Amino acid sequence: MGGAEDIRPRDGEARILRALEDAGPGAGLTVPEVAERAGLHVNAVRRNLARLTEAGRVHIDRAAAPGAARGRPPLRYRAVASDAMAYRELMPLLLALLTGEGGAGVDARSDAYRTGREYGLAHAPAGDPVEAVFASLAALGFAPEPEPEPPGAGTRIALTRCPFSDMVPHPGGRALCALHHGILAGVAEARGGSLARFDIVDPRTGHCQAGVAAAAPPGGQAAPASRAAARNASPRSS
C-alpha cells in the first residue's frame, strides 16, 4: 500500500482517477484498493475521493459486490464518465440514425431501439446480466444506483444522472432514450438475461429506471416495433 508521501492535491486526484479508470467502468474499488493502485496513503485517498465525489467525478457504489459476505458492504468507488465521453461513445450510432429516415416520430424511436440493441449485443461488458448493464450505464455516465425490488422480481437500477438531459426535451430527443433502451436490452440479452423494464421519465424532474432479469424470456428480447412499444421508449413530459 502506498506511503504517506507529500503530494499535491491535483496530482493525488489524477492518480486516483487513473486507477479507477484503469479498473474499468464496472469494477468499482474500495479505499484500500485505490490506495494500492494509486500509490497513496489511505488517508490521502479518502480526502481526494471526497473532493472528487463532490465534484461529480467519482460515483459511490453502496451495493454489495456479487457473492460478498453478509453484513454492511464496503463503499466502492467508480470513475464517472464525462458528458463529452458519453457523446463520443454514442456519436457513431447518432450519425447512423441521422443518415436514415423517420425524423423524430415513432418510427425513428423504433429504429433507434434496434440500432442500440445491435450495439449492445456486440459490445456487452463481461459479467452476468445485472453486472453488464450496470457497467454499461456507468461507462455512459448515468451514475447507476441499485433500487430495492421484491424477491424474485429481478434487479432495479436507477439512472441517477443523465448526460443527455439537455437534448432529450428537443425535437428528436426521445430517440436518444429509445437508443439507450436498446443498448441495455442488447447488453442484458448478450449475457443471458433480459431487460424486464425500462421506465423513462423527463430527466429534468426524475430518474429513469431499468429492470434486469437474470434469464431471458423464450425467443430473446424483441425490439419494440409496434407503436405502443415505441411510445414506451419515450420520456413522459413534466
C-alpha atoms as a PDB file:
ATOM      1  CA  MET A   1       0.000   0.000   0.000  1.00  0.00           C
ATOM      2  CA  GLY A   2       1.252   3.495  -0.775  1.00  0.00           C
ATOM      3  CA  GLY A   3       3.164   5.535   1.769  1.00  0.00           C
ATOM      4  CA  ALA A   4       2.286   8.924   3.231  1.00  0.00           C
ATOM      5  CA  GLU A   5       4.248  10.860   0.656  1.00  0.00           C
ATOM      6  CA  ASP A   6       3.700  14.597   0.297  1.00  0.00           C
ATOM      7  CA  ILE A   7       1.787  15.029  -2.936  1.00  0.00           C
ATOM      8  CA  ARG A   8      -0.177  17.947  -4.347  1.00  0.00           C
ATOM      9  CA  PRO A   9      -3.983  17.541  -4.280  1.00  0.00           C
ATOM     10  CA  ARG A  10      -4.324  17.658  -8.064  1.00  0.00           C
ATOM     11  CA  ASP A  11      -1.619  15.007  -8.505  1.00  0.00           C
ATOM     12  CA  GLY A  12      -3.404  12.796  -5.984  1.00  0.00           C
ATOM     13  CA  GLU A  13      -6.751  13.247  -7.732  1.00  0.00           C
ATOM     14  CA  ALA A  14      -5.182  12.440 -11.098  1.00  0.00           C
ATOM     15  CA  ARG A  15      -3.644   9.233  -9.719  1.00  0.00           C
ATOM     16  CA  ILE A  16      -6.946   8.171  -8.202  1.00  0.00           C
ATOM     17  CA  LEU A  17      -8.938   8.863 -11.355  1.00  0.00           C
ATOM     18  CA  ARG A  18      -6.397   6.953 -13.409  1.00  0.00           C
ATOM     19  CA  ALA A  19      -6.618   3.982 -11.014  1.00  0.00           C
ATOM     20  CA  LEU A  20     -10.425   3.977 -11.176  1.00  0.00           C
ATOM     21  CA  GLU A  21     -10.490   4.313 -14.955  1.00  0.00           C
ATOM     22  CA  ASP A  22      -7.923   1.521 -15.375  1.00  0.00           C
ATOM     23  CA  ALA A  23     -10.088  -0.740 -13.204  1.00  0.00           C
ATOM     24  CA  GLY A  24     -12.885  -0.430 -15.764  1.00  0.00           C
ATOM     25  CA  PRO A  25     -16.398   1.085 -15.518  1.00  0.00           C
ATOM     26  CA  GLY A  26     -17.961  -1.987 -13.936  1.00  0.00           C
ATOM     27  CA  ALA A  27     -15.281  -2.782 -11.356  1.00  0.00           C
ATOM     28  CA  GLY A  28     -15.501  -0.281  -8.505  1.00  0.00           C
ATOM     29  CA  LEU A  29     -12.652  -0.100  -5.978  1.00  0.00           C
ATOM     30  CA  THR A  30     -12.558   0.189  -2.204  1.00  0.00           C
ATOM     31  CA  VAL A  31     -10.378   2.812  -0.488  1.00  0.00           C
ATOM     32  CA  PRO A  32      -7.558   0.309   0.245  1.00  0.00           C
ATOM     33  CA  GLU A  33      -7.662  -0.922  -3.365  1.00  0.00           C
ATOM     34  CA  VAL A  34      -7.460   2.650  -4.669  1.00  0.00           C
ATOM     35  CA  ALA A  35      -4.578   3.394  -2.302  1.00  0.00           C
ATOM     36  CA  GLU A  36      -2.635   0.363  -3.511  1.00  0.00           C
ATOM     37  CA  ARG A  37      -3.161   1.102  -7.194  1.00  0.00           C
ATOM     38  CA  ALA A  38      -2.540   4.849  -6.900  1.00  0.00           C
ATOM     39  CA  GLY A  39       0.461   4.537  -4.571  1.00  0.00           C
ATOM     40  CA  LEU A  40      -1.091   6.818  -1.940  1.00  0.00           C
ATOM     41  CA  HIS A  41      -1.834   6.587   1.774  1.00  0.00           C
ATOM     42  CA  VAL A  42      -5.425   5.635   2.585  1.00  0.00           C
ATOM     43  CA  ASN A  43      -5.969   8.965   4.368  1.00  0.00           C
ATOM     44  CA  ALA A  44      -4.892  10.882   1.275  1.00  0.00           C
ATOM     45  CA  VAL A  45      -7.165   8.684  -0.831  1.00  0.00           C
ATOM     46  CA  ARG A  46     -10.165   9.422   1.402  1.00  0.00           C
ATOM     47  CA  ARG A  47      -9.561  13.196   1.211  1.00  0.00           C
ATOM     48  CA  ASN A  48      -9.183  13.157  -2.551  1.00  0.00           C
ATOM     49  CA  LEU A  49     -12.154  10.853  -3.070  1.00  0.00           C
ATOM     50  CA  ALA A  50     -14.328  13.233  -1.025  1.00  0.00           C
ATOM     51  CA  ARG A  51     -13.354  16.131  -3.309  1.00  0.00           C
ATOM     52  CA  LEU A  52     -13.807  14.078  -6.481  1.00  0.00           C
ATOM     53  CA  THR A  53     -17.211  12.821  -5.341  1.00  0.00           C
ATOM     54  CA  GLU A  54     -18.384  16.339  -4.514  1.00  0.00           C
ATOM     55  CA  ALA A  55     -17.211  17.495  -7.954  1.00  0.00           C
ATOM     56  CA  GLY A  56     -19.160  14.698  -9.648  1.00  0.00           C
ATOM     57  CA  ARG A  57     -16.038  12.971 -10.993  1.00  0.00           C
ATOM     58  CA  VAL A  58     -16.433   9.860  -8.838  1.00  0.00           C
ATOM     59  CA  HIS A  59     -19.558   7.838  -8.003  1.00  0.00           C
ATOM     60  CA  ILE A  60     -20.006   5.900  -4.741  1.00  0.00           C
ATOM     61  CA  ASP A  61     -21.483   2.418  -5.081  1.00  0.00           C
ATOM     62  CA  ARG A  62     -23.068   1.304  -1.799  1.00  0.00           C
ATOM     63  CA  ALA A  63     -24.294  -2.062  -3.074  1.00  0.00           C
ATOM     64  CA  ALA A  64     -22.657  -5.299  -2.033  1.00  0.00           C
ATOM     65  CA  ALA A  65     -20.471  -6.942  -4.659  1.00  0.00           C
ATOM     66  CA  PRO A  66     -21.861 -10.190  -6.144  1.00  0.00           C
ATOM     67  CA  GLY A  67     -21.037 -13.110  -3.834  1.00  0.00           C
ATOM     68  CA  ALA A  68     -20.000 -10.840  -0.953  1.00  0.00           C
ATOM     69  CA  ALA A  69     -20.461 -11.972   2.631  1.00  0.00           C
ATOM     70  CA  ARG A  70     -23.395 -10.751   4.690  1.00  0.00           C
ATOM     71  CA  GLY A  71     -23.090  -7.501   6.597  1.00  0.00           C
ATOM     72  CA  ARG A  72     -22.532  -3.888   5.698  1.00  0.00           C
ATOM     73  CA  PRO A  73     -20.669  -3.802   2.370  1.00  0.00           C
ATOM     74  CA  PRO A  74     -17.621  -1.540   1.957  1.00  0.00           C
ATOM     75  CA  LEU A  75     -18.067   1.548  -0.190  1.00  0.00           C
ATOM     76  CA  ARG A  76     -16.772   1.102  -3.720  1.00  0.00           C
ATOM     77  CA  TYR A  77     -15.810   3.993  -5.981  1.00  0.00           C
ATOM     78  CA  ARG A  78     -16.170   4.296  -9.746  1.00  0.00           C
ATOM     79  CA  ALA A  79     -14.951   6.951 -12.162  1.00  0.00           C
ATOM     80  CA  VAL A  80     -17.866   8.861 -13.714  1.00  0.00           C
ATOM     81  CA  ALA A  81     -17.722   9.240 -17.455  1.00  0.00           C
ATOM     82  CA  SER A  82     -17.748  12.876 -18.525  1.00  0.00           C
ATOM     83  CA  ASP A  83     -20.546  14.233 -20.694  1.00  0.00           C
ATOM     84  CA  ALA A  84     -18.056  14.565 -23.557  1.00  0.00           C
ATOM     85  CA  MET A  85     -17.128  10.888 -23.222  1.00  0.00           C
ATOM     86  CA  ALA A  86     -20.774   9.863 -23.325  1.00  0.00           C
ATOM     87  CA  TYR A  87     -21.327  11.881 -26.504  1.00  0.00           C
ATOM     88  CA  ARG A  88     -18.232  10.379 -28.149  1.00  0.00           C
ATOM     89  CA  GLU A  89     -19.325   6.850 -27.260  1.00  0.00           C
ATOM     90  CA  LEU A  90     -22.701   7.308 -28.946  1.00  0.00           C
ATOM     91  CA  MET A  91     -21.701   9.544 -31.855  1.00  0.00           C
ATOM     92  CA  PRO A  92     -21.295   6.671 -34.388  1.00  0.00           C
ATOM     93  CA  LEU A  93     -24.810   5.488 -33.549  1.00  0.00           C
ATOM     94  CA  LEU A  94     -26.250   9.003 -33.774  1.00  0.00           C
ATOM     95  CA  LEU A  95     -24.634   9.506 -37.164  1.00  0.00           C
ATOM     96  CA  ALA A  96     -26.110   6.214 -38.362  1.00  0.00           C
ATOM     97  CA  LEU A  97     -29.549   7.386 -37.279  1.00  0.00           C
ATOM     98  CA  LEU A  98     -29.134  10.770 -38.990  1.00  0.00           C
ATOM     99  CA  THR A  99     -28.442   9.081 -42.327  1.00  0.00           C
ATOM    100  CA  GLY A 100     -31.684   7.119 -42.110  1.00  0.00           C
ATOM    101  CA  GLU A 101     -35.316   8.120 -42.436  1.00  0.00           C
ATOM    102  CA  GLY A 102     -38.114   8.634 -39.950  1.00  0.00           C
ATOM    103  CA  GLY A 103     -37.467  12.035 -38.375  1.00  0.00           C
ATOM    104  CA  ALA A 104     -38.467  12.356 -34.720  1.00  0.00           C
ATOM    105  CA  GLY A 105     -41.560  10.142 -34.677  1.00  0.00           C
ATOM    106  CA  VAL A 106     -42.383   6.639 -33.501  1.00  0.00           C
ATOM    107  CA  ASP A 107     -40.567   5.018 -36.441  1.00  0.00           C
ATOM    108  CA  ALA A 108     -37.373   6.892 -35.550  1.00  0.00           C
ATOM    109  CA  ARG A 109     -37.591   5.676 -31.956  1.00  0.00           C
ATOM    110  CA  SER A 110     -38.119   2.079 -33.125  1.00  0.00           C
ATOM    111  CA  ASP A 111     -35.115   2.398 -35.431  1.00  0.00           C
ATOM    112  CA  ALA A 112     -33.086   3.885 -32.571  1.00  0.00           C
ATOM    113  CA  TYR A 113     -34.022   0.968 -30.319  1.00  0.00           C
ATOM    114  CA  ARG A 114     -32.991  -1.596 -32.917  1.00  0.00           C
ATOM    115  CA  THR A 115     -29.700   0.219 -33.568  1.00  0.00           C
ATOM    116  CA  GLY A 116     -28.950   0.364 -29.845  1.00  0.00           C
ATOM    117  CA  ARG A 117     -29.835  -3.293 -29.319  1.00  0.00           C
ATOM    118  CA  GLU A 118     -27.453  -4.398 -32.063  1.00  0.00           C
ATOM    119  CA  TYR A 119     -24.713  -2.311 -30.481  1.00  0.00           C
ATOM    120  CA  GLY A 120     -25.414  -3.727 -27.019  1.00  0.00           C
ATOM    121  CA  LEU A 121     -25.322  -7.307 -28.317  1.00  0.00           C
ATOM    122  CA  ALA A 122     -21.932  -6.685 -29.938  1.00  0.00           C
ATOM    123  CA  HIS A 123     -20.326  -4.631 -27.134  1.00  0.00           C
ATOM    124  CA  ALA A 124     -21.695  -6.123 -23.896  1.00  0.00           C
ATOM    125  CA  PRO A 125     -19.252  -5.897 -20.957  1.00  0.00           C
ATOM    126  CA  ALA A 126     -18.248  -9.037 -19.080  1.00  0.00           C
ATOM    127  CA  GLY A 127     -20.276 -10.386 -16.160  1.00  0.00           C
ATOM    128  CA  ASP A 128     -23.812 -11.553 -15.543  1.00  0.00           C
ATOM    129  CA  PRO A 129     -26.749  -9.539 -16.986  1.00  0.00           C
ATOM    130  CA  VAL A 130     -27.001  -7.193 -13.990  1.00  0.00           C
ATOM    131  CA  GLU A 131     -23.255  -6.558 -13.830  1.00  0.00           C
ATOM    132  CA  ALA A 132     -23.074  -5.950 -17.584  1.00  0.00           C
ATOM    133  CA  VAL A 133     -25.994  -3.492 -17.617  1.00  0.00           C
ATOM    134  CA  PHE A 134     -24.619  -1.710 -14.540  1.00  0.00           C
ATOM    135  CA  ALA A 135     -21.181  -1.415 -16.168  1.00  0.00           C
ATOM    136  CA  SER A 136     -22.695  -0.082 -19.408  1.00  0.00           C
ATOM    137  CA  LEU A 137     -24.680   2.575 -17.547  1.00  0.00           C
ATOM    138  CA  ALA A 138     -21.595   3.632 -15.595  1.00  0.00           C
ATOM    139  CA  ALA A 139     -19.490   3.839 -18.759  1.00  0.00           C
ATOM    140  CA  LEU A 140     -22.118   6.030 -20.427  1.00  0.00           C
ATOM    141  CA  GLY A 141     -22.191   8.423 -17.461  1.00  0.00           C
ATOM    142  CA  PHE A 142     -25.606   7.563 -15.974  1.00  0.00           C
ATOM    143  CA  ALA A 143     -24.301   7.026 -12.401  1.00  0.00           C
ATOM    144  CA  PRO A 144     -26.388   3.866 -11.785  1.00  0.00           C
ATOM    145  CA  GLU A 145     -27.688   3.023  -8.309  1.00  0.00           C
ATOM    146  CA  PRO A 146     -29.399  -0.261  -7.291  1.00  0.00           C
ATOM    147  CA  GLU A 147     -33.016   0.088  -6.157  1.00  0.00           C
ATOM    148  CA  PRO A 148     -34.970  -2.168  -3.738  1.00  0.00           C
ATOM    149  CA  GLU A 149     -37.006  -4.800  -5.550  1.00  0.00           C
ATOM    150  CA  PRO A 150     -39.321  -7.573  -4.252  1.00  0.00           C
ATOM    151  CA  PRO A 151     -37.707 -11.050  -4.135  1.00  0.00           C
ATOM    152  CA  GLY A 152     -37.820 -12.831  -7.474  1.00  0.00           C
ATOM    153  CA  ALA A 153     -38.634  -9.639  -9.394  1.00  0.00           C
ATOM    154  CA  GLY A 154     -35.148  -9.100 -10.845  1.00  0.00           C
ATOM    155  CA  THR A 155     -32.892  -6.140 -10.161  1.00  0.00           C
ATOM    156  CA  ARG A 156     -33.985  -2.497 -10.454  1.00  0.00           C
ATOM    157  CA  ILE A 157     -31.346   0.136 -11.291  1.00  0.00           C
ATOM    158  CA  ALA A 158     -31.878   3.906 -11.061  1.00  0.00           C
ATOM    159  CA  LEU A 159     -30.144   6.130 -13.609  1.00  0.00           C
ATOM    160  CA  THR A 160     -29.323   8.967 -11.223  1.00  0.00           C
ATOM    161  CA  ARG A 161     -27.629  11.193 -13.801  1.00  0.00           C
ATOM    162  CA  CYS A 162     -28.482  11.817 -17.466  1.00  0.00           C
ATOM    163  CA  PRO A 163     -25.629  13.163 -19.647  1.00  0.00           C
ATOM    164  CA  PHE A 164     -28.205  13.936 -22.347  1.00  0.00           C
ATOM    165  CA  SER A 165     -30.747  15.815 -20.202  1.00  0.00           C
ATOM    166  CA  ASP A 166     -30.289  18.953 -22.299  1.00  0.00           C
ATOM    167  CA  MET A 167     -31.038  17.075 -25.543  1.00  0.00           C
ATOM    168  CA  VAL A 168     -33.992  14.885 -24.535  1.00  0.00           C
ATOM    169  CA  PRO A 169     -36.585  17.729 -24.457  1.00  0.00           C
ATOM    170  CA  HIS A 170     -35.635  18.834 -28.003  1.00  0.00           C
ATOM    171  CA  PRO A 171     -37.336  17.506 -31.154  1.00  0.00           C
ATOM    172  CA  GLY A 172     -35.989  14.030 -31.812  1.00  0.00           C
ATOM    173  CA  GLY A 173     -34.635  13.770 -28.279  1.00  0.00           C
ATOM    174  CA  ARG A 174     -36.890  10.831 -27.467  1.00  0.00           C
ATOM    175  CA  ALA A 175     -34.910   8.745 -29.953  1.00  0.00           C
ATOM    176  CA  LEU A 176     -31.940   9.040 -27.575  1.00  0.00           C
ATOM    177  CA  CYS A 177     -33.998   7.396 -24.832  1.00  0.00           C
ATOM    178  CA  ALA A 178     -35.001   4.604 -27.216  1.00  0.00           C
ATOM    179  CA  LEU A 179     -31.353   4.233 -28.244  1.00  0.00           C
ATOM    180  CA  HIS A 180     -30.258   3.715 -24.631  1.00  0.00           C
ATOM    181  CA  HIS A 181     -33.202   1.377 -24.079  1.00  0.00           C
ATOM    182  CA  GLY A 182     -31.974  -0.748 -26.967  1.00  0.00           C
ATOM    183  CA  ILE A 183     -28.348  -0.725 -25.805  1.00  0.00           C
ATOM    184  CA  LEU A 184     -29.279  -2.004 -22.354  1.00  0.00           C
ATOM    185  CA  ALA A 185     -31.641  -4.623 -23.796  1.00  0.00           C
ATOM    186  CA  GLY A 186     -28.870  -5.877 -26.089  1.00  0.00           C
ATOM    187  CA  VAL A 187     -26.323  -5.959 -23.271  1.00  0.00           C
ATOM    188  CA  ALA A 188     -28.646  -7.936 -20.989  1.00  0.00           C
ATOM    189  CA  GLU A 189     -29.556 -10.340 -23.787  1.00  0.00           C
ATOM    190  CA  ALA A 190     -25.901 -10.886 -24.724  1.00  0.00           C
ATOM    191  CA  ARG A 191     -25.212 -12.019 -21.156  1.00  0.00           C
ATOM    192  CA  GLY A 192     -28.129 -14.442 -20.990  1.00  0.00           C
ATOM    193  CA  GLY A 193     -30.688 -12.161 -19.341  1.00  0.00           C
ATOM    194  CA  SER A 194     -33.254  -9.612 -20.401  1.00  0.00           C
ATOM    195  CA  LEU A 195     -34.233  -6.030 -19.765  1.00  0.00           C
ATOM    196  CA  ALA A 196     -37.521  -6.674 -17.998  1.00  0.00           C
ATOM    197  CA  ARG A 197     -38.498  -2.994 -17.991  1.00  0.00           C
ATOM    198  CA  PHE A 198     -37.181   0.462 -18.801  1.00  0.00           C
ATOM    199  CA  ASP A 199     -39.127   3.300 -17.167  1.00  0.00           C
ATOM    200  CA  ILE A 200     -38.303   6.622 -18.810  1.00  0.00           C
ATOM    201  CA  VAL A 201     -39.152   9.994 -17.287  1.00  0.00           C
ATOM    202  CA  ASP A 202     -38.241  13.574 -18.066  1.00  0.00           C
ATOM    203  CA  PRO A 203     -34.616  13.797 -16.804  1.00  0.00           C
ATOM    204  CA  ARG A 204     -35.290  17.324 -15.524  1.00  0.00           C
ATOM    205  CA  THR A 205     -37.818  16.030 -12.990  1.00  0.00           C
ATOM    206  CA  GLY A 206     -36.793  12.477 -12.101  1.00  0.00           C
ATOM    207  CA  HIS A 207     -34.620   9.431 -12.711  1.00  0.00           C
ATOM    208  CA  CYS A 208     -35.191   6.733 -15.295  1.00  0.00           C
ATOM    209  CA  GLN A 209     -35.077   3.124 -14.084  1.00  0.00           C
ATOM    210  CA  ALA A 210     -34.027  -0.157 -15.654  1.00  0.00           C
ATOM    211  CA  GLY A 211     -35.186  -3.584 -14.528  1.00  0.00           C
ATOM    212  CA  VAL A 212     -32.893  -6.516 -15.299  1.00  0.00           C
ATOM    213  CA  ALA A 213     -33.992 -10.170 -15.210  1.00  0.00           C
ATOM    214  CA  ALA A 214     -31.371 -12.896 -14.850  1.00  0.00           C
ATOM    215  CA  ALA A 215     -32.867 -15.120 -17.547  1.00  0.00           C
ATOM    216  CA  ALA A 216     -34.082 -14.043 -20.969  1.00  0.00           C
ATOM    217  CA  PRO A 217     -37.663 -14.918 -21.984  1.00  0.00           C
ATOM    218  CA  PRO A 218     -38.186 -17.610 -24.656  1.00  0.00           C
ATOM    219  CA  GLY A 219     -37.138 -16.216 -28.019  1.00  0.00           C
ATOM    220  CA  GLY A 220     -34.968 -13.474 -26.509  1.00  0.00           C
ATOM    221  CA  GLN A 221     -35.589  -9.729 -26.264  1.00  0.00           C
ATOM    222  CA  ALA A 222     -37.701  -8.411 -29.118  1.00  0.00           C
ATOM    223  CA  ALA A 223     -37.392  -4.901 -30.487  1.00  0.00           C
ATOM    224  CA  PRO A 224     -40.423  -2.642 -29.845  1.00  0.00           C
ATOM    225  CA  ALA A 225     -41.540  -2.348 -33.443  1.00  0.00           C
ATOM    226  CA  SER A 226     -45.158  -1.568 -32.597  1.00  0.00           C
ATOM    227  CA  ARG A 227     -46.391   1.938 -31.939  1.00  0.00           C
ATOM    228  CA  ALA A 228     -47.358   1.053 -28.362  1.00  0.00           C
ATOM    229  CA  ALA A 229     -43.897  -0.328 -27.600  1.00  0.00           C
ATOM    230  CA  ALA A 230     -42.203   2.640 -29.209  1.00  0.00           C
ATOM    231  CA  ARG A 231     -44.287   5.012 -27.108  1.00  0.00           C
ATOM    232  CA  ASN A 232     -42.948   3.216 -24.022  1.00  0.00           C
ATOM    233  CA  ALA A 233     -39.468   4.249 -25.149  1.00  0.00           C
ATOM    234  CA  SER A 234     -40.453   7.918 -24.823  1.00  0.00           C
ATOM    235  CA  PRO A 235     -39.991  10.219 -21.813  1.00  0.00           C
ATOM    236  CA  ARG A 236     -43.192  11.363 -20.145  1.00  0.00           C
ATOM    237  CA  SER A 237     -43.485  15.123 -20.171  1.00  0.00           C
ATOM    238  CA  SER A 238     -43.340  17.015 -16.863  1.00  0.00           C
END
